[in-house]
Amino acid sequence: MRVDQYLTSLAATLAAVPREPLRAVEEALWQTYLRDGTIIICGNGGSAANASHFACDLAKWTLTDGRRRVRAIALTDNVPVMTAWSNDAAYERVFVEQVISLYRPGDTLVAISGSGNSPNVLRAVEWMAAQGATTIGLTGFAGGKLAGLAQIVVVVPSHCMPEVEDAHSAICHSLAVALGERISAEPV
């Protein structure tokens, strides 16, 4: 059955995701929270859905009574702004123009690109890096250009886009849960 094959392959891909970069991403997100920075997230297509989902989970799953909330935003959630920049400038500007408006020192960018070669994602990473911001890349395949641009990179070892996107979703879930646990364990 094709479903069984896919799930078996996905399980193997998840097991092969390198853990050291994941620990570095978790620590970077924790440090962003400690300095009251914003976690800014972007991606296209399925990665846009993962970006929105991750921002939601960071905002909701990390809640602990008496603790400051996580600041997280997905650049994919303002469709009018995205279409305005796409129409008036170029699609590759949809994320960088938003980060230019939103960025504050201490913010972190999570750039999600299955191929690692999305020009609009890469422009945002380049701009944020030039500001001295922490940049995180979630990618797949061979990492693409994103693997060479972001400071911390998690490359999902798969050449199947649905598996890469599923793995990114699981990674984002694990990071939101981990951040929530760290927040709740902090003394008030």
C-alpha atoms as a PDB file:
ATOM      1  CA  MET A   1       0.000   0.000   0.000  1.00  0.00           C
ATOM      2  CA  ARG A   2       1.390   3.418  -1.008  1.00  0.00           C
ATOM      3  CA  VAL A   3       0.305   5.040   2.266  1.00  0.00           C
ATOM      4  CA  ASP A   4       2.318   2.517   4.272  1.00  0.00           C
ATOM      5  CA  GLN A   5       5.364   3.106   2.068  1.00  0.00           C
ATOM      6  CA  TYR A   6       5.093   6.862   2.494  1.00  0.00           C
ATOM      7  CA  LEU A   7       4.709   6.683   6.271  1.00  0.00           C
ATOM      8  CA  THR A   8       7.608   4.228   6.564  1.00  0.00           C
ATOM      9  CA  SER A   9       9.786   6.508   4.470  1.00  0.00           C
ATOM     10  CA  LEU A  10       8.714   9.570   6.470  1.00  0.00           C
ATOM     11  CA  ALA A  11       9.543   7.826   9.756  1.00  0.00           C
ATOM     12  CA  ALA A  12      13.018   7.016   8.434  1.00  0.00           C
ATOM     13  CA  THR A  13      13.490  10.613   7.291  1.00  0.00           C
ATOM     14  CA  LEU A  14      12.475  11.969  10.699  1.00  0.00           C
ATOM     15  CA  ALA A  15      14.850   9.555  12.420  1.00  0.00           C
ATOM     16  CA  ALA A  16      17.682  10.798  10.181  1.00  0.00           C
ATOM     17  CA  VAL A  17      17.161  14.521  10.877  1.00  0.00           C
ATOM     18  CA  PRO A  18      20.387  15.747  12.510  1.00  0.00           C
ATOM     19  CA  ARG A  19      19.796  16.563  16.188  1.00  0.00           C
ATOM     20  CA  GLU A  20      22.664  18.975  16.855  1.00  0.00           C
ATOM     21  CA  PRO A  21      21.264  21.752  14.618  1.00  0.00           C
ATOM     22  CA  LEU A  22      17.839  21.198  16.217  1.00  0.00           C
ATOM     23  CA  ARG A  23      19.362  21.792  19.643  1.00  0.00           C
ATOM     24  CA  ALA A  24      20.984  24.971  18.286  1.00  0.00           C
ATOM     25  CA  VAL A  25      17.628  26.158  16.905  1.00  0.00           C
ATOM     26  CA  GLU A  26      15.914  25.454  20.226  1.00  0.00           C
ATOM     27  CA  GLU A  27      18.588  27.461  22.047  1.00  0.00           C
ATOM     28  CA  ALA A  28      18.345  30.344  19.544  1.00  0.00           C
ATOM     29  CA  LEU A  29      14.578  30.526  20.008  1.00  0.00           C
ATOM     30  CA  TRP A  30      15.017  30.406  23.796  1.00  0.00           C
ATOM     31  CA  GLN A  31      17.534  33.264  23.664  1.00  0.00           C
ATOM     32  CA  THR A  32      15.139  35.260  21.454  1.00  0.00           C
ATOM     33  CA  TYR A  33      12.427  34.772  24.066  1.00  0.00           C
ATOM     34  CA  LEU A  34      14.754  35.787  26.926  1.00  0.00           C
ATOM     35  CA  ARG A  35      15.628  39.068  25.205  1.00  0.00           C
ATOM     36  CA  ASP A  36      11.940  39.663  24.331  1.00  0.00           C
ATOM     37  CA  GLY A  37      12.677  39.482  20.626  1.00  0.00           C
ATOM     38  CA  THR A  38      10.219  38.455  17.960  1.00  0.00           C
ATOM     39  CA  ILE A  39      10.462  35.158  16.109  1.00  0.00           C
ATOM     40  CA  ILE A  40       9.702  36.085  12.498  1.00  0.00           C
ATOM     41  CA  ILE A  41       8.845  33.198  10.166  1.00  0.00           C
ATOM     42  CA  CYS A  42       8.483  32.939   6.378  1.00  0.00           C
ATOM     43  CA  GLY A  43       8.087  30.381   3.606  1.00  0.00           C
ATOM     44  CA  ASN A  44       6.220  29.650   0.351  1.00  0.00           C
ATOM     45  CA  GLY A  45       3.493  27.136  -0.466  1.00  0.00           C
ATOM     46  CA  GLY A  46       3.549  24.281   2.036  1.00  0.00           C
ATOM     47  CA  SER A  47       6.338  26.124   3.833  1.00  0.00           C
ATOM     48  CA  ALA A  48       4.027  29.151   4.112  1.00  0.00           C
ATOM     49  CA  ALA A  49       1.484  26.903   5.803  1.00  0.00           C
ATOM     50  CA  ASN A  50       4.223  25.621   8.121  1.00  0.00           C
ATOM     51  CA  ALA A  51       5.306  29.209   8.867  1.00  0.00           C
ATOM     52  CA  SER A  52       1.764  30.209   9.845  1.00  0.00           C
ATOM     53  CA  HIS A  53       1.265  27.033  11.851  1.00  0.00           C
ATOM     54  CA  PHE A  54       4.586  27.513  13.681  1.00  0.00           C
ATOM     55  CA  ALA A  55       3.734  31.115  14.610  1.00  0.00           C
ATOM     56  CA  CYS A  56       0.364  29.922  15.937  1.00  0.00           C
ATOM     57  CA  ASP A  57       1.967  27.163  18.005  1.00  0.00           C
ATOM     58  CA  LEU A  58       4.628  29.497  19.396  1.00  0.00           C
ATOM     59  CA  ALA A  59       1.939  31.960  20.441  1.00  0.00           C
ATOM     60  CA  LYS A  60      -0.428  29.371  21.929  1.00  0.00           C
ATOM     61  CA  TRP A  61       1.464  26.256  23.076  1.00  0.00           C
ATOM     62  CA  THR A  62       4.001  28.251  25.038  1.00  0.00           C
ATOM     63  CA  LEU A  63       1.514  29.971  27.340  1.00  0.00           C
ATOM     64  CA  THR A  64       2.186  29.663  31.063  1.00  0.00           C
ATOM     65  CA  ASP A  65       0.274  31.668  33.674  1.00  0.00           C
ATOM     66  CA  GLY A  66       2.365  34.472  35.075  1.00  0.00           C
ATOM     67  CA  ARG A  67       4.971  34.319  32.287  1.00  0.00           C
ATOM     68  CA  ARG A  68       5.616  36.709  29.436  1.00  0.00           C
ATOM     69  CA  ARG A  69       4.303  35.462  26.110  1.00  0.00           C
ATOM     70  CA  VAL A  70       6.367  34.509  23.076  1.00  0.00           C
ATOM     71  CA  ARG A  71       6.444  37.133  20.335  1.00  0.00           C
ATOM     72  CA  ALA A  72       6.007  35.329  16.983  1.00  0.00           C
ATOM     73  CA  ILE A  73       4.713  36.392  13.583  1.00  0.00           C
ATOM     74  CA  ALA A  74       4.450  34.682  10.215  1.00  0.00           C
ATOM     75  CA  LEU A  75       5.085  36.989   7.274  1.00  0.00           C
ATOM     76  CA  THR A  76       2.777  34.755   5.256  1.00  0.00           C
ATOM     77  CA  ASP A  77      -0.317  35.855   7.167  1.00  0.00           C
ATOM     78  CA  ASN A  78      -0.793  39.333   5.677  1.00  0.00           C
ATOM     79  CA  VAL A  79      -2.037  38.494   2.176  1.00  0.00           C
ATOM     80  CA  PRO A  80      -2.762  42.134   1.193  1.00  0.00           C
ATOM     81  CA  VAL A  81       0.823  43.141   1.984  1.00  0.00           C
ATOM     82  CA  MET A  82       2.189  40.118   0.112  1.00  0.00           C
ATOM     83  CA  THR A  83       0.120  40.811  -2.982  1.00  0.00           C
ATOM     84  CA  ALA A  84       0.906  44.541  -2.890  1.00  0.00           C
ATOM     85  CA  TRP A  85       4.667  43.928  -2.859  1.00  0.00           C
ATOM     86  CA  SER A  86       4.335  41.201  -5.490  1.00  0.00           C
ATOM     87  CA  ASN A  87       2.328  43.483  -7.768  1.00  0.00           C
ATOM     88  CA  ASP A  88       4.162  46.750  -7.168  1.00  0.00           C
ATOM     89  CA  ALA A  89       7.754  45.506  -6.887  1.00  0.00           C
ATOM     90  CA  ALA A  90       8.522  41.784  -7.274  1.00  0.00           C
ATOM     91  CA  TYR A  91       7.524  38.567  -5.551  1.00  0.00           C
ATOM     92  CA  GLU A  92      11.049  38.152  -4.274  1.00  0.00           C
ATOM     93  CA  ARG A  93      10.492  41.300  -2.134  1.00  0.00           C
ATOM     94  CA  VAL A  94       7.374  40.084  -0.229  1.00  0.00           C
ATOM     95  CA  PHE A  95       9.282  39.000   2.884  1.00  0.00           C
ATOM     96  CA  VAL A  96      12.243  41.372   2.945  1.00  0.00           C
ATOM     97  CA  GLU A  97      10.001  44.433   2.736  1.00  0.00           C
ATOM     98  CA  GLN A  98       8.021  43.151   5.721  1.00  0.00           C
ATOM     99  CA  VAL A  99      11.115  42.466   7.826  1.00  0.00           C
ATOM    100  CA  ILE A 100      12.467  45.915   7.016  1.00  0.00           C
ATOM    101  CA  SER A 101       9.287  47.318   8.593  1.00  0.00           C
ATOM    102  CA  LEU A 102       9.041  44.900  11.518  1.00  0.00           C
ATOM    103  CA  TYR A 103      12.630  44.181  12.585  1.00  0.00           C
ATOM    104  CA  ARG A 104      13.851  45.171  16.028  1.00  0.00           C
ATOM    105  CA  PRO A 105      17.293  44.317  17.405  1.00  0.00           C
ATOM    106  CA  GLY A 106      17.047  40.951  19.139  1.00  0.00           C
ATOM    107  CA  ASP A 107      14.642  39.424  16.613  1.00  0.00           C
ATOM    108  CA  THR A 108      15.238  36.060  14.950  1.00  0.00           C
ATOM    109  CA  LEU A 109      14.200  34.921  11.475  1.00  0.00           C
ATOM    110  CA  VAL A 110      13.082  31.351  10.781  1.00  0.00           C
ATOM    111  CA  ALA A 111      13.207  30.833   7.008  1.00  0.00           C
ATOM    112  CA  ILE A 112      11.490  27.707   5.703  1.00  0.00           C
ATOM    113  CA  SER A 113      12.186  26.525   2.157  1.00  0.00           C
ATOM    114  CA  GLY A 114      11.919  22.906   1.080  1.00  0.00           C
ATOM    115  CA  SER A 115      14.404  23.397  -1.744  1.00  0.00           C
ATOM    116  CA  GLY A 116      16.410  26.094   0.022  1.00  0.00           C
ATOM    117  CA  ASN A 117      16.312  28.206  -3.128  1.00  0.00           C
ATOM    118  CA  SER A 118      13.255  30.464  -2.778  1.00  0.00           C
ATOM    119  CA  PRO A 119      14.438  33.968  -3.771  1.00  0.00           C
ATOM    120  CA  ASN A 120      11.973  35.776  -1.478  1.00  0.00           C
ATOM    121  CA  VAL A 121      13.082  33.711   1.520  1.00  0.00           C
ATOM    122  CA  LEU A 122      16.757  34.220   0.678  1.00  0.00           C
ATOM    123  CA  ARG A 123      16.314  38.032   0.424  1.00  0.00           C
ATOM    124  CA  ALA A 124      14.815  38.110   3.924  1.00  0.00           C
ATOM    125  CA  VAL A 125      17.679  36.013   5.314  1.00  0.00           C
ATOM    126  CA  GLU A 126      20.276  38.253   3.658  1.00  0.00           C
ATOM    127  CA  TRP A 127      18.708  41.426   5.045  1.00  0.00           C
ATOM    128  CA  MET A 128      18.261  40.046   8.560  1.00  0.00           C
ATOM    129  CA  ALA A 129      21.835  38.730   8.601  1.00  0.00           C
ATOM    130  CA  ALA A 130      23.089  42.171   7.561  1.00  0.00           C
ATOM    131  CA  GLN A 131      21.334  43.583  10.649  1.00  0.00           C
ATOM    132  CA  GLY A 132      23.144  41.085  12.881  1.00  0.00           C
ATOM    133  CA  ALA A 133      19.966  39.098  13.534  1.00  0.00           C
ATOM    134  CA  THR A 134      19.965  35.378  14.201  1.00  0.00           C
ATOM    135  CA  THR A 135      18.853  33.519  11.072  1.00  0.00           C
ATOM    136  CA  ILE A 136      17.568  29.950  11.062  1.00  0.00           C
ATOM    137  CA  GLY A 137      16.958  27.891   7.928  1.00  0.00           C
ATOM    138  CA  LEU A 138      14.757  24.829   7.638  1.00  0.00           C
ATOM    139  CA  THR A 139      15.322  23.139   4.305  1.00  0.00           C
ATOM    140  CA  GLY A 140      15.545  19.767   2.597  1.00  0.00           C
ATOM    141  CA  PHE A 141      17.102  18.170  -0.468  1.00  0.00           C
ATOM    142  CA  ALA A 142      20.784  19.281  -0.462  1.00  0.00           C
ATOM    143  CA  GLY A 143      20.039  22.460   1.516  1.00  0.00           C
ATOM    144  CA  GLY A 144      20.060  24.829  -1.438  1.00  0.00           C
ATOM    145  CA  LYS A 145      21.363  28.382  -1.121  1.00  0.00           C
ATOM    146  CA  LEU A 146      19.636  28.737   2.253  1.00  0.00           C
ATOM    147  CA  ALA A 147      22.113  26.287   3.790  1.00  0.00           C
ATOM    148  CA  GLY A 148      24.922  28.712   2.969  1.00  0.00           C
ATOM    149  CA  LEU A 149      23.116  31.851   4.144  1.00  0.00           C
ATOM    150  CA  ALA A 150      21.404  31.056   7.450  1.00  0.00           C
ATOM    151  CA  GLN A 151      23.466  30.874  10.646  1.00  0.00           C
ATOM    152  CA  ILE A 152      21.735  27.732  11.900  1.00  0.00           C
ATOM    153  CA  VAL A 153      20.460  25.262   9.327  1.00  0.00           C
ATOM    154  CA  VAL A 154      18.445  22.069   9.628  1.00  0.00           C
ATOM    155  CA  VAL A 155      18.497  20.082   6.396  1.00  0.00           C
ATOM    156  CA  VAL A 156      15.873  17.346   6.246  1.00  0.00           C
ATOM    157  CA  PRO A 157      17.632  14.468   4.454  1.00  0.00           C
ATOM    158  CA  SER A 158      15.018  13.831   1.768  1.00  0.00           C
ATOM    159  CA  HIS A 159      14.473  14.653  -1.895  1.00  0.00           C
ATOM    160  CA  CYS A 160      10.699  14.213  -1.591  1.00  0.00           C
ATOM    161  CA  MET A 161       8.996  17.588  -1.020  1.00  0.00           C
ATOM    162  CA  PRO A 162       5.995  16.168   0.893  1.00  0.00           C
ATOM    163  CA  GLU A 163       8.374  14.392   3.296  1.00  0.00           C
ATOM    164  CA  VAL A 164      10.443  17.555   3.732  1.00  0.00           C
ATOM    165  CA  GLU A 165       7.324  19.591   4.526  1.00  0.00           C
ATOM    166  CA  ASP A 166       6.022  16.928   6.930  1.00  0.00           C
ATOM    167  CA  ALA A 167       9.386  16.820   8.684  1.00  0.00           C
ATOM    168  CA  HIS A 168       9.422  20.636   8.939  1.00  0.00           C
ATOM    169  CA  SER A 169       5.983  20.500  10.550  1.00  0.00           C
ATOM    170  CA  ALA A 170       7.174  17.927  13.096  1.00  0.00           C
ATOM    171  CA  ILE A 171      10.307  19.970  13.780  1.00  0.00           C
ATOM    172  CA  CYS A 172       8.244  23.107  14.368  1.00  0.00           C
ATOM    173  CA  HIS A 173       5.924  21.204  16.705  1.00  0.00           C
ATOM    174  CA  SER A 174       8.879  19.855  18.666  1.00  0.00           C
ATOM    175  CA  LEU A 175      10.405  23.331  18.965  1.00  0.00           C
ATOM    176  CA  ALA A 176       7.146  24.913  20.163  1.00  0.00           C
ATOM    177  CA  VAL A 177       6.670  22.172  22.763  1.00  0.00           C
ATOM    178  CA  ALA A 178      10.296  22.497  23.922  1.00  0.00           C
ATOM    179  CA  LEU A 179      10.059  26.282  24.203  1.00  0.00           C
ATOM    180  CA  GLY A 180       6.815  25.999  26.160  1.00  0.00           C
ATOM    181  CA  GLU A 181       8.408  23.526  28.566  1.00  0.00           C
ATOM    182  CA  ARG A 182      11.404  25.813  29.102  1.00  0.00           C
ATOM    183  CA  ILE A 183       9.133  28.777  29.796  1.00  0.00           C
ATOM    184  CA  SER A 184       7.027  26.861  32.293  1.00  0.00           C
ATOM    185  CA  ALA A 185      10.168  25.559  34.071  1.00  0.00           C
ATOM    186  CA  GLU A 186      11.572  29.065  34.591  1.00  0.00           C
ATOM    187  CA  PRO A 187      11.190  30.473  38.095  1.00  0.00           C
ATOM    188  CA  VAL A 188       8.709  33.334  38.298  1.00  0.00           C
END
